[in-house]
Amino acid sequence: MQKKRDTVTYELKVGNEVVYVGTTNDPERREKEHLDAGKKFGHMNITSKKMTEGGAMKKEAERLATYRKNQGKNPKYNKSLDG
């Protein structure tokens, strides 16, 4: 049986600054959850095509590693190394 491809990676941004990197299978719901949690951001960018949940989580971890390499820390709202 083929795995479901319904998950995307995304970034929350303030201008050009990335403040969060994540994955979701429902971007509209997830954006509302971030707003309800008090996260401050200007927009959400979907940064991948739909893929399996495992593939999206791997891509998220890779994006965070690249961000840390360039910035020396996680985005503002990411608390762990893998998202």
Foldseek 3Di string as FASTA:
>chain_A
DDADFQKFWKFFAAVPATQDIDMDSDVVVVVVVCVVVPDDGDDMGTDDGGGGPVVRLVVQLVVQVVCCVVPVDGHNPDDDNSD
